């Protein structure tokens, strides 16, 4: 396992920045170990919905987790507002950093993560792990 730590700055797109990091480092299998920071805009797909919801305001990132790969990532985020109301779901581009985002990623060199549509499964491309 190898770990990377990096910081994002105000105005950057959280999802796009993580994806760019994955592409730049050629990460074929990894996960988000830790993330803290804040957002001014969030784009989330909530459970059992086919569309994204947009949120504007000031939010703390209270969790960010998921698998990452140059072959497709699957990430979920939870954010809370100034009253502590928390919402979470699948996140995509459009999550804009307010003050900072500190990201810690772990990578695994012995496997490759891929996303494949499985017959008689969820209807989504799901994680398949291949040994190197």
N, C-alpha and C. Protein backbone atom coordinates (compact mmCIF):
# COMPACT_ATOMS: atom_id res chain seq x y z
N UNK A 1 0.85 -1.18 0.00
CA UNK A 1 0.00 0.00 0.00
C UNK A 1 0.89 1.24 0.00
N UNK A 2 0.45 2.23 -0.75
CA UNK A 2 1.13 3.52 -0.78
C UNK A 2 0.09 4.59 -0.46
N UNK A 3 0.49 5.60 0.27
CA UNK A 3 -0.44 6.67 0.64
C UNK A 3 0.00 8.00 0.04
N UNK A 4 -1.00 8.78 -0.36
CA UNK A 4 -0.79 10.14 -0.87
C UNK A 4 -1.64 11.09 -0.04
N UNK A 5 -1.11 12.26 0.21
CA UNK A 5 -1.87 13.31 0.89
C UNK A 5 -1.72 14.58 0.08
N UNK A 6 -2.85 15.25 -0.16
CA UNK A 6 -2.79 16.51 -0.88
C UNK A 6 -3.91 17.43 -0.41
N UNK A 7 -3.72 18.71 -0.69
CA UNK A 7 -4.67 19.74 -0.27
C UNK A 7 -5.20 20.45 -1.51
N UNK A 8 -6.52 20.68 -1.48
CA UNK A 8 -7.16 21.46 -2.54
C UNK A 8 -7.47 22.84 -2.00
N UNK A 9 -7.56 23.81 -2.90
CA UNK A 9 -7.72 25.21 -2.52
C UNK A 9 -9.10 25.73 -2.89
N UNK A 10 -9.46 26.91 -2.36
CA UNK A 10 -10.76 27.51 -2.66
C UNK A 10 -11.03 27.61 -4.17
N UNK A 11 -12.26 27.27 -4.54
CA UNK A 11 -12.69 27.38 -5.92
C UNK A 11 -12.47 26.13 -6.76
N UNK A 12 -11.63 25.21 -6.28
CA UNK A 12 -11.41 23.98 -7.04
C UNK A 12 -12.62 23.06 -6.92
N UNK A 13 -12.80 22.24 -7.95
CA UNK A 13 -13.86 21.24 -7.96
C UNK A 13 -13.33 19.97 -7.30
N UNK A 14 -13.96 19.53 -6.23
CA UNK A 14 -13.48 18.40 -5.44
C UNK A 14 -13.41 17.12 -6.27
N UNK A 15 -14.49 16.77 -6.94
CA UNK A 15 -14.54 15.53 -7.73
C UNK A 15 -13.53 15.57 -8.87
N UNK A 16 -13.56 16.64 -9.65
CA UNK A 16 -12.64 16.75 -10.78
C UNK A 16 -11.18 16.72 -10.33
N UNK A 17 -10.89 17.32 -9.19
CA UNK A 17 -9.51 17.34 -8.69
C UNK A 17 -9.05 15.96 -8.26
N UNK A 18 -9.93 15.20 -7.62
CA UNK A 18 -9.58 13.82 -7.24
C UNK A 18 -9.37 12.99 -8.50
N UNK A 19 -10.27 13.11 -9.47
CA UNK A 19 -10.14 12.35 -10.71
C UNK A 19 -8.84 12.73 -11.45
N UNK A 20 -8.49 14.01 -11.45
CA UNK A 20 -7.25 14.44 -12.10
C UNK A 20 -6.03 13.85 -11.39
N UNK A 21 -6.08 13.78 -10.06
CA UNK A 21 -5.00 13.19 -9.29
C UNK A 21 -4.86 11.71 -9.63
N UNK A 22 -5.98 11.00 -9.69
CA UNK A 22 -5.99 9.57 -10.03
C UNK A 22 -5.38 9.36 -11.42
N UNK A 23 -5.76 10.20 -12.36
CA UNK A 23 -5.23 10.10 -13.72
C UNK A 23 -3.74 10.41 -13.75
N UNK A 24 -3.33 11.49 -13.08
CA UNK A 24 -1.93 11.90 -13.07
C UNK A 24 -1.03 10.84 -12.45
N UNK A 25 -1.48 10.21 -11.37
CA UNK A 25 -0.68 9.20 -10.67
C UNK A 25 -0.90 7.80 -11.24
N UNK A 26 -1.81 7.69 -12.24
CA UNK A 26 -2.11 6.40 -12.87
C UNK A 26 -2.54 5.36 -11.84
N UNK A 27 -3.45 5.75 -10.96
CA UNK A 27 -3.93 4.87 -9.89
C UNK A 27 -4.97 3.91 -10.47
N UNK A 28 -4.65 2.62 -10.43
CA UNK A 28 -5.56 1.60 -10.95
C UNK A 28 -6.44 1.00 -9.85
N UNK A 29 -6.02 1.16 -8.60
CA UNK A 29 -6.81 0.66 -7.47
C UNK A 29 -6.46 1.47 -6.22
N UNK A 30 -7.47 2.08 -5.63
CA UNK A 30 -7.22 2.87 -4.43
C UNK A 30 -8.51 3.20 -3.72
N UNK A 31 -8.36 3.89 -2.59
CA UNK A 31 -9.53 4.33 -1.83
C UNK A 31 -9.21 5.64 -1.12
N UNK A 32 -10.25 6.36 -0.76
CA UNK A 32 -10.09 7.57 0.03
C UNK A 32 -10.07 7.15 1.51
N UNK A 33 -8.97 7.42 2.19
CA UNK A 33 -8.84 7.09 3.61
C UNK A 33 -9.43 8.16 4.50
N UNK A 34 -9.24 9.42 4.10
CA UNK A 34 -9.67 10.54 4.93
C UNK A 34 -9.87 11.77 4.08
N UNK A 35 -10.81 12.61 4.52
CA UNK A 35 -11.01 13.90 3.86
C UNK A 35 -11.73 14.83 4.82
N UNK A 36 -11.22 16.02 4.93
CA UNK A 36 -11.89 17.09 5.68
C UNK A 36 -11.79 18.36 4.86
N UNK A 37 -12.72 19.27 5.08
CA UNK A 37 -12.70 20.52 4.37
C UNK A 37 -14.08 21.13 4.32
N UNK A 38 -14.28 22.01 3.35
CA UNK A 38 -15.56 22.71 3.26
C UNK A 38 -15.90 23.00 1.81
N UNK A 39 -17.21 23.19 1.56
CA UNK A 39 -17.73 23.46 0.22
C UNK A 39 -18.66 24.66 0.24
N UNK A 40 -18.78 25.32 -0.91
CA UNK A 40 -19.81 26.35 -1.09
C UNK A 40 -20.91 25.87 -2.02
N UNK A 41 -20.64 24.82 -2.74
CA UNK A 41 -21.64 24.22 -3.63
C UNK A 41 -21.42 22.72 -3.64
N UNK A 42 -22.51 21.96 -3.61
CA UNK A 42 -22.41 20.50 -3.65
C UNK A 42 -23.37 19.95 -4.68
N UNK A 43 -22.94 18.90 -5.35
CA UNK A 43 -23.76 18.17 -6.31
C UNK A 43 -23.80 16.72 -5.86
N UNK A 44 -24.99 16.25 -5.45
CA UNK A 44 -25.15 14.90 -4.93
C UNK A 44 -26.27 14.16 -5.65
N UNK A 45 -26.07 12.88 -5.85
CA UNK A 45 -27.17 12.03 -6.29
C UNK A 45 -27.60 11.23 -5.07
N UNK A 46 -28.82 11.48 -4.64
CA UNK A 46 -29.35 10.82 -3.45
C UNK A 46 -29.81 9.40 -3.77
N UNK A 47 -30.06 8.64 -2.73
CA UNK A 47 -30.43 7.23 -2.87
C UNK A 47 -31.64 7.04 -3.79
N UNK A 48 -31.52 6.10 -4.69
CA UNK A 48 -32.61 5.68 -5.58
C UNK A 48 -33.14 6.79 -6.48
N UNK A 49 -32.27 7.72 -6.85
CA UNK A 49 -32.64 8.79 -7.78
C UNK A 49 -31.75 8.73 -9.00
N UNK A 50 -32.28 9.16 -10.12
CA UNK A 50 -31.54 9.14 -11.38
C UNK A 50 -30.96 10.51 -11.72
N UNK A 51 -31.17 11.49 -10.85
CA UNK A 51 -30.71 12.84 -11.13
C UNK A 51 -29.93 13.38 -9.94
N UNK A 52 -29.18 14.44 -10.18
CA UNK A 52 -28.39 15.08 -9.13
C UNK A 52 -29.17 16.21 -8.48
N UNK A 53 -28.92 16.43 -7.20
CA UNK A 53 -29.44 17.58 -6.47
C UNK A 53 -28.30 18.57 -6.28
N UNK A 54 -28.63 19.87 -6.34
CA UNK A 54 -27.64 20.94 -6.18
C UNK A 54 -27.90 21.66 -4.86
N UNK A 55 -26.83 21.96 -4.12
CA UNK A 55 -26.94 22.64 -2.83
C UNK A 55 -25.96 23.80 -2.80
N UNK A 56 -26.44 24.99 -2.42
CA UNK A 56 -25.58 26.16 -2.26
C UNK A 56 -25.60 26.58 -0.80
N UNK A 57 -24.45 27.03 -0.31
CA UNK A 57 -24.33 27.46 1.08
C UNK A 57 -22.92 27.17 1.56
N UNK A 58 -22.78 27.06 2.87
CA UNK A 58 -21.49 26.74 3.46
C UNK A 58 -21.62 25.39 4.16
N UNK A 59 -20.80 24.44 3.74
CA UNK A 59 -20.90 23.06 4.22
C UNK A 59 -19.54 22.55 4.67
N UNK A 60 -19.56 21.78 5.75
CA UNK A 60 -18.37 21.05 6.18
C UNK A 60 -18.42 19.66 5.55
N UNK A 61 -17.29 19.17 5.08
CA UNK A 61 -17.20 17.78 4.63
C UNK A 61 -17.02 16.94 5.88
N UNK A 62 -18.00 16.09 6.20
CA UNK A 62 -17.89 15.26 7.40
C UNK A 62 -17.46 13.83 7.07
N UNK A 63 -17.58 13.44 5.81
CA UNK A 63 -16.99 12.18 5.37
C UNK A 63 -16.90 12.16 3.85
N UNK A 64 -15.94 11.43 3.36
CA UNK A 64 -15.76 11.19 1.94
C UNK A 64 -15.12 9.82 1.83
N UNK A 65 -15.75 8.92 1.13
CA UNK A 65 -15.26 7.55 1.07
C UNK A 65 -15.54 6.95 -0.29
N UNK A 66 -14.80 5.94 -0.64
CA UNK A 66 -15.07 5.23 -1.89
C UNK A 66 -13.83 4.69 -2.53
N UNK A 67 -14.05 4.02 -3.66
CA UNK A 67 -12.97 3.43 -4.43
C UNK A 67 -12.63 4.34 -5.60
N UNK A 68 -11.33 4.36 -5.95
CA UNK A 68 -10.86 5.19 -7.05
C UNK A 68 -10.03 4.36 -8.00
N UNK A 69 -10.11 4.70 -9.28
CA UNK A 69 -9.34 4.01 -10.31
C UNK A 69 -9.41 4.79 -11.60
N UNK A 70 -8.37 4.66 -12.40
CA UNK A 70 -8.40 5.22 -13.75
C UNK A 70 -9.49 4.55 -14.58
N UNK A 71 -9.98 3.42 -14.13
CA UNK A 71 -11.04 2.68 -14.82
C UNK A 71 -12.43 3.01 -14.30
N UNK A 72 -12.53 4.00 -13.42
CA UNK A 72 -13.82 4.42 -12.87
C UNK A 72 -13.78 4.45 -11.36
N UNK A 73 -14.27 5.53 -10.80
CA UNK A 73 -14.31 5.71 -9.35
C UNK A 73 -15.75 5.69 -8.87
N UNK A 74 -15.93 5.40 -7.59
CA UNK A 74 -17.26 5.41 -6.96
C UNK A 74 -17.10 6.03 -5.58
N UNK A 75 -17.56 7.26 -5.45
CA UNK A 75 -17.34 8.03 -4.23
C UNK A 75 -18.66 8.54 -3.64
N UNK A 76 -18.73 8.53 -2.31
CA UNK A 76 -19.86 9.10 -1.59
C UNK A 76 -19.33 10.15 -0.63
N UNK A 77 -20.17 11.17 -0.38
CA UNK A 77 -19.79 12.26 0.50
C UNK A 77 -20.94 12.59 1.43
N UNK A 78 -20.61 13.01 2.65
CA UNK A 78 -21.58 13.57 3.58
C UNK A 78 -21.13 14.98 3.93
N UNK A 79 -22.08 15.91 3.93
CA UNK A 79 -21.79 17.30 4.25
C UNK A 79 -22.79 17.80 5.28
N UNK A 80 -22.36 18.75 6.10
CA UNK A 80 -23.29 19.34 7.08
C UNK A 80 -23.29 20.85 6.94
N UNK A 81 -24.46 21.45 7.20
CA UNK A 81 -24.59 22.91 7.11
C UNK A 81 -24.30 23.54 8.47
N UNK A 82 -24.51 24.85 8.57
CA UNK A 82 -24.22 25.59 9.79
C UNK A 82 -25.07 25.19 10.99
N UNK A 83 -26.17 24.50 10.76
CA UNK A 83 -27.01 24.02 11.84
C UNK A 83 -26.74 22.56 12.16
N UNK A 84 -25.80 21.96 11.46
CA UNK A 84 -25.46 20.56 11.69
C UNK A 84 -26.32 19.58 10.91
N UNK A 85 -27.24 20.10 10.10
CA UNK A 85 -28.04 19.21 9.26
C UNK A 85 -27.10 18.55 8.26
N UNK A 86 -27.17 17.23 8.19
CA UNK A 86 -26.24 16.47 7.36
C UNK A 86 -26.98 15.74 6.26
N UNK A 87 -26.38 15.74 5.08
CA UNK A 87 -26.93 15.03 3.94
C UNK A 87 -25.77 14.36 3.22
N UNK A 88 -26.05 13.25 2.58
CA UNK A 88 -24.98 12.56 1.87
C UNK A 88 -25.51 11.77 0.70
N UNK A 89 -24.59 11.38 -0.15
CA UNK A 89 -24.94 10.57 -1.30
C UNK A 89 -23.75 10.44 -2.24
N UNK A 90 -24.04 9.92 -3.41
CA UNK A 90 -23.05 9.77 -4.47
C UNK A 90 -22.71 11.17 -4.96
N UNK A 91 -21.42 11.47 -5.07
CA UNK A 91 -21.11 12.83 -5.52
C UNK A 91 -20.40 12.84 -6.86
N UNK A 92 -20.56 13.97 -7.52
CA UNK A 92 -20.04 14.14 -8.87
C UNK A 92 -19.39 15.51 -8.97
N UNK A 93 -19.01 15.89 -10.19
CA UNK A 93 -18.40 17.21 -10.36
C UNK A 93 -19.40 18.29 -9.98
N UNK A 94 -18.87 19.41 -9.57
CA UNK A 94 -19.72 20.51 -9.13
C UNK A 94 -19.67 20.75 -7.63
N UNK A 95 -18.83 19.99 -6.91
CA UNK A 95 -18.62 20.24 -5.48
C UNK A 95 -17.44 21.20 -5.37
N UNK A 96 -17.72 22.45 -5.02
CA UNK A 96 -16.72 23.51 -5.08
C UNK A 96 -16.16 23.79 -3.67
N UNK A 97 -14.82 23.79 -3.57
CA UNK A 97 -14.14 23.99 -2.30
C UNK A 97 -14.33 25.42 -1.81
N UNK A 98 -14.65 25.56 -0.51
CA UNK A 98 -14.79 26.87 0.13
C UNK A 98 -13.43 27.32 0.68
N UNK A 99 -12.93 26.67 1.73
CA UNK A 99 -11.65 27.08 2.30
C UNK A 99 -10.52 26.12 1.98
N UNK A 100 -10.80 24.83 2.06
CA UNK A 100 -9.77 23.82 1.82
C UNK A 100 -10.43 22.45 1.71
N UNK A 101 -9.68 21.51 1.21
CA UNK A 101 -10.03 20.09 1.31
C UNK A 101 -8.71 19.34 1.42
N UNK A 102 -8.59 18.55 2.48
CA UNK A 102 -7.39 17.74 2.71
C UNK A 102 -7.77 16.29 2.42
N UNK A 103 -7.08 15.68 1.48
CA UNK A 103 -7.43 14.35 1.00
C UNK A 103 -6.27 13.39 1.26
N UNK A 104 -6.60 12.21 1.80
CA UNK A 104 -5.61 11.14 1.97
C UNK A 104 -6.12 9.93 1.20
N UNK A 105 -5.28 9.44 0.30
CA UNK A 105 -5.63 8.32 -0.58
C UNK A 105 -4.65 7.18 -0.36
N UNK A 106 -5.17 5.95 -0.34
CA UNK A 106 -4.33 4.76 -0.32
C UNK A 106 -4.43 4.07 -1.68
N UNK A 107 -3.31 3.52 -2.15
CA UNK A 107 -3.31 2.79 -3.41
C UNK A 107 -2.81 1.37 -3.19
N UNK A 108 -3.24 0.46 -4.07
CA UNK A 108 -2.90 -0.95 -3.95
C UNK A 108 -2.30 -1.42 -5.27
N UNK A 109 -1.06 -1.91 -5.23
CA UNK A 109 -0.34 -2.25 -6.45
C UNK A 109 -0.59 -3.66 -6.95
N UNK A 110 -1.23 -4.52 -6.16
CA UNK A 110 -1.41 -5.91 -6.55
C UNK A 110 -2.74 -6.21 -7.25
N UNK A 111 -3.60 -5.19 -7.36
CA UNK A 111 -4.90 -5.37 -7.99
C UNK A 111 -5.24 -4.20 -8.92
N UNK A 112 -6.24 -4.42 -9.78
CA UNK A 112 -6.78 -3.38 -10.65
C UNK A 112 -8.28 -3.35 -10.43
N UNK A 113 -8.83 -2.16 -10.16
CA UNK A 113 -10.27 -2.00 -10.04
C UNK A 113 -10.84 -1.64 -11.40
N UNK A 114 -11.91 -2.34 -11.76
CA UNK A 114 -12.63 -2.02 -12.99
C UNK A 114 -14.11 -1.94 -12.67
N UNK A 115 -14.86 -1.32 -13.55
CA UNK A 115 -16.31 -1.21 -13.42
C UNK A 115 -16.93 -1.95 -14.58
N UNK A 116 -17.77 -2.93 -14.26
CA UNK A 116 -18.38 -3.75 -15.30
C UNK A 116 -19.86 -3.93 -15.02
N UNK A 117 -20.63 -3.94 -16.09
CA UNK A 117 -22.06 -4.21 -15.99
C UNK A 117 -22.22 -5.72 -15.83
N UNK A 118 -22.79 -6.13 -14.71
CA UNK A 118 -22.95 -7.54 -14.40
C UNK A 118 -24.37 -7.98 -14.73
N UNK A 119 -24.48 -9.10 -15.41
CA UNK A 119 -25.79 -9.64 -15.77
C UNK A 119 -26.57 -10.00 -14.51
N UNK A 120 -27.86 -9.65 -14.49
CA UNK A 120 -28.76 -9.93 -13.37
C UNK A 120 -28.28 -9.31 -12.06
N UNK A 121 -27.70 -8.12 -12.14
CA UNK A 121 -27.20 -7.44 -10.94
C UNK A 121 -27.96 -6.13 -10.77
N UNK A 122 -27.29 -5.08 -10.36
CA UNK A 122 -27.92 -3.82 -9.99
C UNK A 122 -28.38 -2.96 -11.17
N UNK A 123 -27.86 -3.22 -12.36
CA UNK A 123 -28.14 -2.36 -13.50
C UNK A 123 -27.09 -1.27 -13.67
N UNK A 124 -26.16 -1.18 -12.72
CA UNK A 124 -25.07 -0.22 -12.79
C UNK A 124 -23.76 -0.97 -13.04
N UNK A 125 -22.76 -0.26 -13.54
CA UNK A 125 -21.43 -0.84 -13.62
C UNK A 125 -20.89 -0.96 -12.20
N UNK A 126 -20.55 -2.17 -11.80
CA UNK A 126 -20.12 -2.44 -10.42
C UNK A 126 -18.63 -2.78 -10.37
N UNK A 127 -18.08 -2.69 -9.18
CA UNK A 127 -16.66 -2.95 -8.95
C UNK A 127 -16.33 -4.42 -9.21
N UNK A 128 -15.28 -4.63 -10.00
CA UNK A 128 -14.70 -5.95 -10.21
C UNK A 128 -13.21 -5.80 -9.93
N UNK A 129 -12.66 -6.67 -9.10
CA UNK A 129 -11.27 -6.60 -8.71
C UNK A 129 -10.49 -7.69 -9.45
N UNK A 130 -9.44 -7.27 -10.16
CA UNK A 130 -8.59 -8.18 -10.92
C UNK A 130 -7.21 -8.20 -10.30
N UNK A 131 -6.63 -9.38 -10.14
CA UNK A 131 -5.25 -9.50 -9.68
C UNK A 131 -4.33 -9.06 -10.81
N UNK A 132 -3.22 -8.43 -10.46
CA UNK A 132 -2.22 -8.04 -11.46
C UNK A 132 -1.36 -9.23 -11.81
